[in-house]
PDB file of N, CA and C in Angstrom:
ATOM      1  N   UNK A   1      10.760   3.593  -7.402  1.00  0.00           N
ATOM      2  CA  UNK A   1      10.880   3.252  -5.506  1.00  0.00           C
ATOM      3  C   UNK A   1      11.350   2.724  -5.308  1.00  0.00           C
ATOM      4  N   UNK A   2      11.552   3.296  -3.839  1.00  0.00           N
ATOM      5  CA  UNK A   2      12.270   2.190  -2.775  1.00  0.00           C
ATOM      6  C   UNK A   2      12.133   0.881  -2.049  1.00  0.00           C
ATOM      7  N   UNK A   3      12.761  -0.125  -1.897  1.00  0.00           N
ATOM      8  CA  UNK A   3      12.766  -1.184  -1.056  1.00  0.00           C
ATOM      9  C   UNK A   3      12.024  -2.074  -2.123  1.00  0.00           C
ATOM     10  N   UNK A   4      12.115  -2.142  -3.573  1.00  0.00           N
ATOM     11  CA  UNK A   4      11.590  -3.316  -4.563  1.00  0.00           C
ATOM     12  C   UNK A   4      11.116  -4.522  -3.905  1.00  0.00           C
ATOM     13  N   UNK A   5      10.272  -4.849  -3.976  1.00  0.00           N
ATOM     14  CA  UNK A   5      10.143  -6.607  -3.292  1.00  0.00           C
ATOM     15  C   UNK A   5       9.151  -7.041  -4.810  1.00  0.00           C
ATOM     16  N   UNK A   6       9.928  -8.128  -4.873  1.00  0.00           N
ATOM     17  CA  UNK A   6       8.948  -8.913  -5.663  1.00  0.00           C
ATOM     18  C   UNK A   6       8.496 -10.335  -5.312  1.00  0.00           C
ATOM     19  N   UNK A   7       7.468 -10.940  -5.214  1.00  0.00           N
ATOM     20  CA  UNK A   7       6.759 -12.278  -5.210  1.00  0.00           C
ATOM     21  C   UNK A   7       6.470 -12.758  -5.814  1.00  0.00           C
ATOM     22  N   UNK A   8       6.808 -14.209  -5.813  1.00  0.00           N
ATOM     23  CA  UNK A   8       6.782 -15.575  -7.023  1.00  0.00           C
ATOM     24  C   UNK A   8       5.492 -16.529  -6.302  1.00  0.00           C
ATOM     25  N   UNK A   9       5.141 -16.834  -7.021  1.00  0.00           N
ATOM     26  CA  UNK A   9       4.049 -18.206  -6.706  1.00  0.00           C
ATOM     27  C   UNK A   9       5.057 -19.540  -6.341  1.00  0.00           C
ATOM     28  N   UNK A  10       4.661 -20.279  -6.082  1.00  0.00           N
ATOM     29  CA  UNK A  10       5.281 -21.666  -5.655  1.00  0.00           C
ATOM     30  C   UNK A  10       5.870 -22.122  -7.388  1.00  0.00           C
ATOM     31  N   UNK A  11       5.266 -22.043  -7.965  1.00  0.00           N
ATOM     32  CA  UNK A  11       6.485 -22.388  -9.238  1.00  0.00           C
ATOM     33  C   UNK A  11       7.591 -21.373  -9.975  1.00  0.00           C
ATOM     34  N   UNK A  12       7.975 -20.237  -8.922  1.00  0.00           N
ATOM     35  CA  UNK A  12       8.906 -19.590  -9.054  1.00  0.00           C
ATOM     36  C   UNK A  12       7.609 -18.262 -10.289  1.00  0.00           C
ATOM     37  N   UNK A  13       6.905 -18.214 -10.546  1.00  0.00           N
ATOM     38  CA  UNK A  13       6.489 -16.871 -11.478  1.00  0.00           C
ATOM     39  C   UNK A  13       5.992 -15.980 -11.142  1.00  0.00           C
ATOM     40  N   UNK A  14       6.577 -15.266 -10.963  1.00  0.00           N
ATOM     41  CA  UNK A  14       6.249 -13.588 -10.455  1.00  0.00           C
ATOM     42  C   UNK A  14       4.702 -12.945 -10.274  1.00  0.00           C
ATOM     43  N   UNK A  15       4.466 -12.766  -9.269  1.00  0.00           N
ATOM     44  CA  UNK A  15       2.957 -12.059  -9.052  1.00  0.00           C
ATOM     45  C   UNK A  15       3.151 -11.063  -9.044  1.00  0.00           C
ATOM     46  N   UNK A  16       3.910 -10.461  -8.201  1.00  0.00           N
ATOM     47  CA  UNK A  16       3.920  -9.046  -7.688  1.00  0.00           C
ATOM     48  C   UNK A  16       5.265  -8.255  -7.784  1.00  0.00           C
ATOM     49  N   UNK A  17       5.172  -6.859  -7.949  1.00  0.00           N
ATOM     50  CA  UNK A  17       6.287  -6.502  -7.506  1.00  0.00           C
ATOM     51  C   UNK A  17       5.750  -4.782  -6.775  1.00  0.00           C
ATOM     52  N   UNK A  18       6.154  -4.553  -5.745  1.00  0.00           N
ATOM     53  CA  UNK A  18       5.809  -3.268  -4.782  1.00  0.00           C
ATOM     54  C   UNK A  18       6.959  -2.834  -4.433  1.00  0.00           C
ATOM     55  N   UNK A  19       7.101  -1.505  -3.827  1.00  0.00           N
ATOM     56  CA  UNK A  19       7.693  -0.898  -3.125  1.00  0.00           C
ATOM     57  C   UNK A  19       6.866   0.501  -3.091  1.00  0.00           C
ATOM     58  N   UNK A  20       8.182   1.017  -2.083  1.00  0.00           N
ATOM     59  CA  UNK A  20       7.603   2.866  -1.630  1.00  0.00           C
ATOM     60  C   UNK A  20       8.676   3.400  -1.149  1.00  0.00           C
ATOM     61  N   UNK A  21       9.044   4.513  -1.202  1.00  0.00           N
ATOM     62  CA  UNK A  21       9.942   5.651  -0.488  1.00  0.00           C
ATOM     63  C   UNK A  21       9.435   5.516   1.171  1.00  0.00           C
ATOM     64  N   UNK A  22       9.593   6.584   1.930  1.00  0.00           N
ATOM     65  CA  UNK A  22       8.764   6.544   3.279  1.00  0.00           C
ATOM     66  C   UNK A  22       9.736   5.790   4.417  1.00  0.00           C
ATOM     67  N   UNK A  23      11.407   5.819   4.478  1.00  0.00           N
ATOM     68  CA  UNK A  23      12.135   5.712   5.511  1.00  0.00           C
ATOM     69  C   UNK A  23      11.413   3.971   6.377  1.00  0.00           C
ATOM     70  N   UNK A  24      11.464   4.449   7.773  1.00  0.00           N
ATOM     71  CA  UNK A  24      11.039   3.303   8.134  1.00  0.00           C
ATOM     72  C   UNK A  24       9.689   2.955   8.401  1.00  0.00           C
ATOM     73  N   UNK A  25       8.850   3.643   7.694  1.00  0.00           N
ATOM     74  CA  UNK A  25       7.528   2.810   7.132  1.00  0.00           C
ATOM     75  C   UNK A  25       7.397   2.303   6.175  1.00  0.00           C
ATOM     76  N   UNK A  26       8.706   2.134   5.347  1.00  0.00           N
ATOM     77  CA  UNK A  26       8.473   1.369   4.389  1.00  0.00           C
ATOM     78  C   UNK A  26       8.049  -0.096   4.477  1.00  0.00           C
ATOM     79  N   UNK A  27       8.115  -0.464   5.500  1.00  0.00           N
ATOM     80  CA  UNK A  27       7.935  -2.214   5.816  1.00  0.00           C
ATOM     81  C   UNK A  27       6.163  -2.132   5.920  1.00  0.00           C
ATOM     82  N   UNK A  28       5.940  -1.311   6.402  1.00  0.00           N
ATOM     83  CA  UNK A  28       4.013  -1.088   6.431  1.00  0.00           C
ATOM     84  C   UNK A  28       3.571  -0.992   5.063  1.00  0.00           C
ATOM     85  N   UNK A  29       3.819   0.034   4.406  1.00  0.00           N
ATOM     86  CA  UNK A  29       3.424   0.322   3.223  1.00  0.00           C
ATOM     87  C   UNK A  29       3.629  -0.786   1.884  1.00  0.00           C
ATOM     88  N   UNK A  30       4.849  -1.419   2.084  1.00  0.00           N
ATOM     89  CA  UNK A  30       4.553  -2.566   1.498  1.00  0.00           C
ATOM     90  C   UNK A  30       3.604  -3.899   2.012  1.00  0.00           C
ATOM     91  N   UNK A  31       4.093  -4.048   2.847  1.00  0.00           N
ATOM     92  CA  UNK A  31       3.025  -5.041   3.776  1.00  0.00           C
ATOM     93  C   UNK A  31       1.491  -5.275   3.559  1.00  0.00           C
ATOM     94  N   UNK A  32       1.244  -3.789   3.444  1.00  0.00           N
ATOM     95  CA  UNK A  32      -0.441  -3.418   2.907  1.00  0.00           C
ATOM     96  C   UNK A  32      -0.470  -3.530   1.481  1.00  0.00           C
ATOM     97  N   UNK A  33       0.528  -3.404   1.039  1.00  0.00           N
ATOM     98  CA  UNK A  33       0.156  -3.635  -0.642  1.00  0.00           C
ATOM     99  C   UNK A  33      -0.014  -5.106  -0.908  1.00  0.00           C
ATOM    100  N   UNK A  34       1.508  -5.909  -0.312  1.00  0.00           N
ATOM    101  CA  UNK A  34       1.152  -7.217  -0.573  1.00  0.00           C
ATOM    102  C   UNK A  34       0.020  -8.032  -0.470  1.00  0.00           C
ATOM    103  N   UNK A  35      -0.388  -7.978   1.464  1.00  0.00           N
ATOM    104  CA  UNK A  35      -1.363  -8.450   1.956  1.00  0.00           C
ATOM    105  C   UNK A  35      -2.933  -8.169   1.104  1.00  0.00           C
ATOM    106  N   UNK A  36      -2.814  -6.932   0.750  1.00  0.00           N
ATOM    107  CA  UNK A  36      -4.008  -6.198   0.018  1.00  0.00           C
ATOM    108  C   UNK A  36      -4.464  -6.902  -0.932  1.00  0.00           C
ATOM    109  N   UNK A  37      -3.674  -7.026  -1.953  1.00  0.00           N
ATOM    110  CA  UNK A  37      -3.594  -7.395  -2.971  1.00  0.00           C
ATOM    111  C   UNK A  37      -3.398  -9.116  -3.130  1.00  0.00           C
ATOM    112  N   UNK A  38      -2.463  -9.581  -2.438  1.00  0.00           N
ATOM    113  CA  UNK A  38      -2.502 -11.077  -2.670  1.00  0.00           C
ATOM    114  C   UNK A  38      -3.806 -11.902  -1.884  1.00  0.00           C
ATOM    115  N   UNK A  39      -3.101 -11.773  -0.648  1.00  0.00           N
ATOM    116  CA  UNK A  39      -4.091 -12.094   0.506  1.00  0.00           C
ATOM    117  C   UNK A  39      -5.754 -11.920   0.543  1.00  0.00           C
ATOM    118  N   UNK A  40      -5.736 -10.862   0.193  1.00  0.00           N
ATOM    119  CA  UNK A  40      -7.267 -10.393   0.168  1.00  0.00           C
ATOM    120  C   UNK A  40      -8.087  -9.850  -1.362  1.00  0.00           C
ATOM    121  N   UNK A  41      -7.040 -10.339  -2.678  1.00  0.00           N
ATOM    122  CA  UNK A  41      -7.716 -10.121  -3.637  1.00  0.00           C
ATOM    123  C   UNK A  41      -8.639  -9.051  -4.076  1.00  0.00           C
ATOM    124  N   UNK A  42      -7.900  -7.787  -3.483  1.00  0.00           N
ATOM    125  CA  UNK A  42      -8.376  -6.389  -3.513  1.00  0.00           C
ATOM    126  C   UNK A  42      -7.242  -6.218  -4.547  1.00  0.00           C
ATOM    127  N   UNK A  43      -7.833  -4.908  -6.020  1.00  0.00           N
ATOM    128  CA  UNK A  43      -7.307  -4.337  -6.882  1.00  0.00           C
ATOM    129  C   UNK A  43      -6.423  -3.704  -6.434  1.00  0.00           C
ATOM    130  N   UNK A  44      -5.226  -3.377  -7.188  1.00  0.00           N
ATOM    131  CA  UNK A  44      -4.386  -2.182  -6.332  1.00  0.00           C
ATOM    132  C   UNK A  44      -5.026  -1.086  -6.502  1.00  0.00           C
ATOM    133  N   UNK A  45      -5.593  -0.600  -7.290  1.00  0.00           N
ATOM    134  CA  UNK A  45      -6.085   0.995  -7.467  1.00  0.00           C
ATOM    135  C   UNK A  45      -6.740   0.753  -5.931  1.00  0.00           C
ATOM    136  N   UNK A  46      -7.496   0.006  -5.598  1.00  0.00           N
ATOM    137  CA  UNK A  46      -8.368   0.353  -4.123  1.00  0.00           C
ATOM    138  C   UNK A  46      -7.484  -0.322  -3.125  1.00  0.00           C
ATOM    139  N   UNK A  47      -6.154  -0.639  -2.955  1.00  0.00           N
ATOM    140  CA  UNK A  47      -5.618  -1.222  -2.354  1.00  0.00           C
ATOM    141  C   UNK A  47      -4.554   0.323  -1.879  1.00  0.00           C
ATOM    142  N   UNK A  48      -3.959   0.628  -3.107  1.00  0.00           N
ATOM    143  CA  UNK A  48      -3.264   1.995  -2.900  1.00  0.00           C
ATOM    144  C   UNK A  48      -4.102   3.492  -2.448  1.00  0.00           C
ATOM    145  N   UNK A  49      -5.264   3.269  -2.821  1.00  0.00           N
ATOM    146  CA  UNK A  49      -5.832   3.711  -2.089  1.00  0.00           C
ATOM    147  C   UNK A  49      -6.594   4.182  -0.526  1.00  0.00           C
ATOM    148  N   UNK A  50      -6.257   3.012  -0.143  1.00  0.00           N
ATOM    149  CA  UNK A  50      -6.749   2.909   1.215  1.00  0.00           C
ATOM    150  C   UNK A  50      -5.767   3.501   2.363  1.00  0.00           C
ATOM    151  N   UNK A  51      -5.944   3.502   3.786  1.00  0.00           N
ATOM    152  CA  UNK A  51      -5.394   4.706   4.408  1.00  0.00           C
ATOM    153  C   UNK A  51      -4.007   3.705   4.833  1.00  0.00           C
ATOM    154  N   UNK A  52      -3.483   3.908   5.140  1.00  0.00           N
ATOM    155  CA  UNK A  52      -1.730   4.126   5.734  1.00  0.00           C
ATOM    156  C   UNK A  52      -2.220   3.691   7.189  1.00  0.00           C
ATOM    157  N   UNK A  53      -1.296   2.764   8.031  1.00  0.00           N
ATOM    158  CA  UNK A  53      -1.731   2.386   9.493  1.00  0.00           C
ATOM    159  C   UNK A  53       0.091   1.445   9.627  1.00  0.00           C
ATOM    160  N   UNK A  54       0.113   2.949  10.947  1.00  0.00           N
ATOM    161  CA  UNK A  54       1.979   2.587  10.990  1.00  0.00           C
ATOM    162  C   UNK A  54       2.312   2.277  12.137  1.00  0.00           C
ATOM    163  N   UNK A  55       2.964   1.239  12.321  1.00  0.00           N
ATOM    164  CA  UNK A  55       2.651   0.891  14.354  1.00  0.00           C
ATOM    165  C   UNK A  55       4.165   0.589  14.827  1.00  0.00           C
ATOM    166  N   UNK A  56       4.823   1.548  15.356  1.00  0.00           N
ATOM    167  CA  UNK A  56       6.068   1.847  16.101  1.00  0.00           C
ATOM    168  C   UNK A  56       6.396   1.837  17.585  1.00  0.00           C
ATOM    169  N   UNK A  57       6.904   0.806  17.945  1.00  0.00           N
ATOM    170  CA  UNK A  57       6.339   1.421  19.481  1.00  0.00           C
ATOM    171  C   UNK A  57       4.952   1.512  19.683  1.00  0.00           C
ATOM    172  N   UNK A  58       4.954   2.314  20.482  1.00  0.00           N
ATOM    173  CA  UNK A  58       3.626   2.295  21.053  1.00  0.00           C
ATOM    174  C   UNK A  58       2.415   3.310  20.629  1.00  0.00           C
ATOM    175  N   UNK A  59       2.806   3.450  19.976  1.00  0.00           N
ATOM    176  CA  UNK A  59       1.802   4.443  18.864  1.00  0.00           C
ATOM    177  C   UNK A  59       1.571   4.069  17.533  1.00  0.00           C
ATOM    178  N   UNK A  60       0.231   3.629  17.678  1.00  0.00           N
ATOM    179  CA  UNK A  60      -0.295   3.662  15.353  1.00  0.00           C
ATOM    180  C   UNK A  60      -0.376   4.976  15.272  1.00  0.00           C
ATOM    181  N   UNK A  61       0.043   5.476  14.280  1.00  0.00           N
ATOM    182  CA  UNK A  61      -0.497   6.375  13.301  1.00  0.00           C
ATOM    183  C   UNK A  61      -1.299   6.044  11.843  1.00  0.00           C
ATOM    184  N   UNK A  62      -2.383   6.402  12.129  1.00  0.00           N
ATOM    185  CA  UNK A  62      -3.608   6.367  11.569  1.00  0.00           C
ATOM    186  C   UNK A  62      -4.075   7.267  10.446  1.00  0.00           C
ATOM    187  N   UNK A  63      -3.696   7.304   9.040  1.00  0.00           N
ATOM    188  CA  UNK A  63      -3.898   7.918   8.210  1.00  0.00           C
ATOM    189  C   UNK A  63      -5.418   8.012   8.029  1.00  0.00           C
ATOM    190  N   UNK A  64      -6.210   9.302   8.748  1.00  0.00           N
ATOM    191  CA  UNK A  64      -7.723   9.680   8.932  1.00  0.00           C
ATOM    192  C   UNK A  64      -7.847  10.532   8.088  1.00  0.00           C
ATOM    193  N   UNK A  65      -8.514  10.528   6.440  1.00  0.00           N
ATOM    194  CA  UNK A  65      -8.761  11.535   5.925  1.00  0.00           C
ATOM    195  C   UNK A  65     -10.111  11.961   5.674  1.00  0.00           C
ATOM    196  N   UNK A  66     -10.992  10.993   6.076  1.00  0.00           N
ATOM    197  CA  UNK A  66     -12.482  11.434   6.125  1.00  0.00           C
ATOM    198  C   UNK A  66     -13.151  10.801   6.984  1.00  0.00           C
ATOM    199  N   UNK A  67     -14.338  10.869   7.504  1.00  0.00           N
ATOM    200  CA  UNK A  67     -15.302   9.789   8.498  1.00  0.00           C
ATOM    201  C   UNK A  67     -15.220   8.638   8.626  1.00  0.00           C
ATOM    202  N   UNK A  68     -14.940   7.822   7.867  1.00  0.00           N
ATOM    203  CA  UNK A  68     -15.197   6.330   7.779  1.00  0.00           C
ATOM    204  C   UNK A  68     -13.834   6.015   8.481  1.00  0.00           C
ATOM    205  N   UNK A  69     -12.294   6.655   7.849  1.00  0.00           N
ATOM    206  CA  UNK A  69     -11.305   6.338   8.241  1.00  0.00           C
ATOM    207  C   UNK A  69     -10.909   7.214   9.421  1.00  0.00           C
ATOM    208  N   UNK A  70     -11.277   7.995  10.497  1.00  0.00           N
ATOM    209  CA  UNK A  70     -11.443   8.354  11.700  1.00  0.00           C
ATOM    210  C   UNK A  70     -12.262   7.718  12.198  1.00  0.00           C
ATOM    211  N   UNK A  71     -13.516   6.736  11.627  1.00  0.00           N
ATOM    212  CA  UNK A  71     -13.945   5.609  13.097  1.00  0.00           C
ATOM    213  C   UNK A  71     -13.641   4.388  13.070  1.00  0.00           C
ATOM    214  N   UNK A  72     -12.451   4.260  12.369  1.00  0.00           N
ATOM    215  CA  UNK A  72     -11.702   3.049  12.290  1.00  0.00           C
ATOM    216  C   UNK A  72     -10.746   3.160  13.376  1.00  0.00           C
ATOM    217  N   UNK A  73     -10.001   4.778  13.244  1.00  0.00           N
ATOM    218  CA  UNK A  73      -8.820   5.387  14.638  1.00  0.00           C
ATOM    219  C   UNK A  73      -9.261   5.534  15.576  1.00  0.00           C
ATOM    220  N   UNK A  74     -10.387   5.492  15.808  1.00  0.00           N
ATOM    221  CA  UNK A  74     -11.238   5.926  16.862  1.00  0.00           C
ATOM    222  C   UNK A  74     -11.414   4.426  17.944  1.00  0.00           C
ATOM    223  N   UNK A  75     -12.191   3.551  16.725  1.00  0.00           N
ATOM    224  CA  UNK A  75     -12.011   1.959  16.935  1.00  0.00           C
ATOM    225  C   UNK A  75     -10.913   1.232  17.356  1.00  0.00           C
ATOM    226  N   UNK A  76      -9.580   1.601  16.750  1.00  0.00           N
ATOM    227  CA  UNK A  76      -8.202   1.025  17.406  1.00  0.00           C
ATOM    228  C   UNK A  76      -7.735   2.003  18.353  1.00  0.00           C
ATOM    229  N   UNK A  77      -8.367   3.179  19.173  1.00  0.00           N
ATOM    230  CA  UNK A  77      -7.925   3.881  19.725  1.00  0.00           C
ATOM    231  C   UNK A  77      -8.920   3.386  21.167  1.00  0.00           C
ATOM    232  N   UNK A  78     -10.329   2.998  21.441  1.00  0.00           N
ATOM    233  CA  UNK A  78     -11.605   2.461  21.815  1.00  0.00           C
ATOM    234  C   UNK A  78     -10.877   0.794  22.259  1.00  0.00           C
ATOM    235  N   UNK A  79     -10.180   0.382  21.173  1.00  0.00           N
ATOM    236  CA  UNK A  79      -9.327  -1.366  21.684  1.00  0.00           C
ATOM    237  C   UNK A  79      -8.450  -0.990  22.480  1.00  0.00           C
ATOM    238  N   UNK A  80      -7.585   0.126  22.965  1.00  0.00           N
ATOM    239  CA  UNK A  80      -6.601   0.429  23.670  1.00  0.00           C
ATOM    240  C   UNK A  80      -5.679   0.984  23.342  1.00  0.00           C
ATOM    241  N   UNK A  81      -5.074   0.713  21.729  1.00  0.00           N
ATOM    242  CA  UNK A  81      -4.225   1.141  21.645  1.00  0.00           C
ATOM    243  C   UNK A  81      -4.464   2.913  21.512  1.00  0.00           C
ATOM    244  N   UNK A  82      -3.041   3.352  21.873  1.00  0.00           N
ATOM    245  CA  UNK A  82      -2.642   4.943  21.503  1.00  0.00           C
ATOM    246  C   UNK A  82      -2.628   5.419  20.299  1.00  0.00           C
ATOM    247  N   UNK A  83      -3.446   6.033  19.440  1.00  0.00           N
ATOM    248  CA  UNK A  83      -3.751   6.507  18.098  1.00  0.00           C
ATOM    249  C   UNK A  83      -3.145   7.993  17.803  1.00  0.00           C
ATOM    250  N   UNK A  84      -2.497   7.998  16.990  1.00  0.00           N
ATOM    251  CA  UNK A  84      -2.362   9.294  16.401  1.00  0.00           C
ATOM    252  C   UNK A  84      -2.477   9.698  14.733  1.00  0.00           C
ATOM    253  N   UNK A  85      -3.974  10.277  14.632  1.00  0.00           N
ATOM    254  CA  UNK A  85      -4.590  10.844  13.427  1.00  0.00           C
ATOM    255  C   UNK A  85      -3.715  11.664  12.982  1.00  0.00           C
ATOM    256  N   UNK A  86      -3.560  11.000  11.483  1.00  0.00           N
ATOM    257  CA  UNK A  86      -2.894  12.215  10.595  1.00  0.00           C
ATOM    258  C   UNK A  86      -3.564  12.265   9.813  1.00  0.00           C
ATOM    259  N   UNK A  87      -3.433  13.665   8.936  1.00  0.00           N
ATOM    260  CA  UNK A  87      -4.062  13.637   7.585  1.00  0.00           C
ATOM    261  C   UNK A  87      -3.309  12.993   5.878  1.00  0.00           C
ATOM    262  N   UNK A  88      -2.414  12.674   6.410  1.00  0.00           N
ATOM    263  CA  UNK A  88      -1.684  11.911   5.362  1.00  0.00           C
ATOM    264  C   UNK A  88      -0.376  11.342   5.609  1.00  0.00           C
ATOM    265  N   UNK A  89      -0.171  10.005   5.337  1.00  0.00           N
ATOM    266  CA  UNK A  89       1.101   9.668   5.108  1.00  0.00           C
ATOM    267  C   UNK A  89       1.872   9.760   3.944  1.00  0.00           C
ATOM    268  N   UNK A  90       3.317   9.974   3.810  1.00  0.00           N
ATOM    269  CA  UNK A  90       4.215   9.982   2.909  1.00  0.00           C
ATOM    270  C   UNK A  90       4.867   8.816   1.944  1.00  0.00           C
ATOM    271  N   UNK A  91       3.436   8.248   1.931  1.00  0.00           N
ATOM    272  CA  UNK A  91       3.818   6.734   1.226  1.00  0.00           C
ATOM    273  C   UNK A  91       4.157   7.198  -0.231  1.00  0.00           C
ATOM    274  N   UNK A  92       4.550   6.190  -1.054  1.00  0.00           N
ATOM    275  CA  UNK A  92       4.491   6.456  -2.701  1.00  0.00           C
ATOM    276  C   UNK A  92       4.580   4.908  -3.101  1.00  0.00           C
ATOM    277  N   UNK A  93       3.711   4.471  -2.901  1.00  0.00           N
ATOM    278  CA  UNK A  93       3.660   2.717  -3.453  1.00  0.00           C
ATOM    279  C   UNK A  93       3.459   2.918  -4.814  1.00  0.00           C
ATOM    280  N   UNK A  94       3.895   1.705  -5.511  1.00  0.00           N
ATOM    281  CA  UNK A  94       4.069   1.588  -6.979  1.00  0.00           C
ATOM    282  C   UNK A  94       4.162   0.414  -6.862  1.00  0.00           C
ATOM    283  N   UNK A  95       3.343  -0.539  -7.643  1.00  0.00           N
ATOM    284  CA  UNK A  95       2.826  -1.689  -7.844  1.00  0.00           C
ATOM    285  C   UNK A  95       2.909  -2.598  -9.417  1.00  0.00           C
ATOM    286  N   UNK A  96       2.816  -3.133  -9.733  1.00  0.00           N
ATOM    287  CA  UNK A  96       2.753  -4.168 -10.517  1.00  0.00           C
ATOM    288  C   UNK A  96       2.594  -5.219 -10.717  1.00  0.00           C
ATOM    289  N   UNK A  97       0.838  -5.814 -10.833  1.00  0.00           N
ATOM    290  CA  UNK A  97       0.419  -7.269 -10.436  1.00  0.00           C
ATOM    291  C   UNK A  97       0.353  -7.948 -11.931  1.00  0.00           C
ATOM    292  N   UNK A  98       0.641  -9.302 -11.433  1.00  0.00           N
ATOM    293  CA  UNK A  98       0.848 -10.309 -12.874  1.00  0.00           C
ATOM    294  C   UNK A  98      -0.357 -10.734 -13.559  1.00  0.00           C
ATOM    295  N   UNK A  99      -1.343 -10.870 -13.831  1.00  0.00           N
ATOM    296  CA  UNK A  99      -2.373 -11.227 -13.851  1.00  0.00           C
ATOM    297  C   UNK A  99      -2.675 -12.054 -15.146  1.00  0.00           C
ATOM    298  N   UNK A 100      -3.370 -13.144 -15.496  1.00  0.00           N
ATOM    299  CA  UNK A 100      -3.460 -13.608 -16.890  1.00  0.00           C
ATOM    300  C   UNK A 100      -4.023 -13.073 -18.218  1.00  0.00           C
ATOM    301  N   UNK A 101      -4.452 -11.539 -17.651  1.00  0.00           N
ATOM    302  CA  UNK A 101      -4.589 -11.108 -18.982  1.00  0.00           C
ATOM    303  C   UNK A 101      -3.755 -10.228 -19.438  1.00  0.00           C
ATOM    304  N   UNK A 102      -2.536  -9.754 -18.137  1.00  0.00           N
ATOM    305  CA  UNK A 102      -1.160  -8.765 -18.798  1.00  0.00           C
ATOM    306  C   UNK A 102      -0.756  -8.068 -17.446  1.00  0.00           C
ATOM    307  N   UNK A 103      -0.202  -7.492 -17.557  1.00  0.00           N
ATOM    308  CA  UNK A 103       0.476  -6.719 -16.114  1.00  0.00           C
ATOM    309  C   UNK A 103      -0.589  -5.606 -15.714  1.00  0.00           C
ATOM    310  N   UNK A 104      -0.907  -5.371 -14.757  1.00  0.00           N
ATOM    311  CA  UNK A 104      -1.951  -3.995 -13.901  1.00  0.00           C
ATOM    312  C   UNK A 104      -0.598  -3.226 -12.892  1.00  0.00           C
ATOM    313  N   UNK A 105      -0.630  -2.383 -13.544  1.00  0.00           N
ATOM    314  CA  UNK A 105       0.136  -1.710 -12.447  1.00  0.00           C
ATOM    315  C   UNK A 105      -0.468   0.376 -12.168  1.00  0.00           C
ATOM    316  N   UNK A 106      -0.426   0.241 -11.161  1.00  0.00           N
ATOM    317  CA  UNK A 106      -0.608   1.425 -10.265  1.00  0.00           C
ATOM    318  C   UNK A 106       0.029   2.562  -9.297  1.00  0.00           C
ATOM    319  N   UNK A 107      -0.006   3.681  -9.540  1.00  0.00           N
ATOM    320  CA  UNK A 107       0.895   4.622  -8.546  1.00  0.00           C
ATOM    321  C   UNK A 107      -0.030   4.905  -7.066  1.00  0.00           C
ATOM    322  N   UNK A 108       0.463   5.230  -6.473  1.00  0.00           N
ATOM    323  CA  UNK A 108       0.109   5.730  -5.122  1.00  0.00           C
ATOM    324  C   UNK A 108      -0.411   7.069  -4.879  1.00  0.00           C
ATOM    325  N   UNK A 109      -1.830   7.379  -5.064  1.00  0.00           N
ATOM    326  CA  UNK A 109      -1.934   8.554  -5.481  1.00  0.00           C
ATOM    327  C   UNK A 109      -1.585   9.867  -4.468  1.00  0.00           C
ATOM    328  N   UNK A 110      -0.980   9.830  -3.394  1.00  0.00           N
ATOM    329  CA  UNK A 110      -0.536  10.600  -2.456  1.00  0.00           C
ATOM    330  C   UNK A 110       1.026  11.153  -3.061  1.00  0.00           C
ATOM    331  N   UNK A 111       1.479  10.451  -4.317  1.00  0.00           N
ATOM    332  CA  UNK A 111       2.713  11.302  -4.304  1.00  0.00           C
ATOM    333  C   UNK A 111       2.222  11.106  -5.927  1.00  0.00           C
ATOM    334  N   UNK A 112       3.612  11.931  -6.469  1.00  0.00           N
ATOM    335  CA  UNK A 112       3.529  12.220  -7.946  1.00  0.00           C
ATOM    336  C   UNK A 112       3.913  11.211  -9.401  1.00  0.00           C
ATOM    337  N   UNK A 113       3.616  10.071  -8.400  1.00  0.00           N
ATOM    338  CA  UNK A 113       4.196   8.920  -9.516  1.00  0.00           C
ATOM    339  C   UNK A 113       2.574   8.699 -10.424  1.00  0.00           C
ATOM    340  N   UNK A 114       2.949   8.041 -11.658  1.00  0.00           N
ATOM    341  CA  UNK A 114       2.010   7.398 -12.214  1.00  0.00           C
ATOM    342  C   UNK A 114       2.482   6.054 -13.404  1.00  0.00           C
ATOM    343  N   UNK A 115       1.442   5.706 -13.668  1.00  0.00           N
ATOM    344  CA  UNK A 115       1.792   4.291 -14.624  1.00  0.00           C
ATOM    345  C   UNK A 115       1.890   4.849 -16.153  1.00  0.00           C
ATOM    346  N   UNK A 116       2.606   4.263 -16.723  1.00  0.00           N
ATOM    347  CA  UNK A 116       2.181   4.549 -17.723  1.00  0.00           C
ATOM    348  C   UNK A 116       3.198   3.272 -18.971  1.00  0.00           C
ATOM    349  N   UNK A 117       3.008   3.338 -20.238  1.00  0.00           N
ATOM    350  CA  UNK A 117       3.174   1.926 -21.208  1.00  0.00           C
ATOM    351  C   UNK A 117       3.895   2.680 -22.185  1.00  0.00           C
ATOM    352  N   UNK A 118       5.091   2.184 -22.349  1.00  0.00           N
ATOM    353  CA  UNK A 118       6.416   3.053 -22.833  1.00  0.00           C
ATOM    354  C   UNK A 118       5.339   2.640 -24.410  1.00  0.00           C
ATOM    355  N   UNK A 119       6.020   3.927 -25.390  1.00  0.00           N
ATOM    356  CA  UNK A 119       5.409   3.456 -26.967  1.00  0.00           C
ATOM    357  C   UNK A 119       6.022   2.601 -27.391  1.00  0.00           C
ATOM    358  N   UNK A 120       5.315   1.577 -28.171  1.00  0.00           N
ATOM    359  CA  UNK A 120       6.082   0.576 -29.122  1.00  0.00           C
ATOM    360  C   UNK A 120       5.757  -0.408 -27.727  1.00  0.00           C
ATOM    361  N   UNK A 121       5.872  -0.200 -27.137  1.00  0.00           N
ATOM    362  CA  UNK A 121       5.192  -1.776 -25.759  1.00  0.00           C
ATOM    363  C   UNK A 121       3.724  -1.976 -25.503  1.00  0.00           C
ATOM    364  N   UNK A 122       2.870  -1.615 -26.454  1.00  0.00           N
ATOM    365  CA  UNK A 122       1.550  -1.750 -26.080  1.00  0.00           C
ATOM    366  C   UNK A 122       0.969  -2.538 -27.118  1.00  0.00           C
TER     367      UNK A 122
END
């Protein structure tokens, strides 16, 4: 993945590795995964399946693939934002979360990536 980002806890221990291709949308993708997993405590699989919301300039691009996401996009528009609904964003997030039980990996369901454990390493 592009833009690999490593997050460490105050003692210097690795907590999260995340990154995505996506040009100038990468910052939004990486921020969403980092905040969703570390600040909100959501599972990587949940966070990577959530809609991408990318705000640049005066427009908010909102990935609205179902009725719930379309309602969220409308709520932003009703709040005064210029919203452009999209069927999908070309994110390709991959994350590795370090937990007490071990590593939790997840790949963005929008792209061709997948999580695998190399033979002999399990």
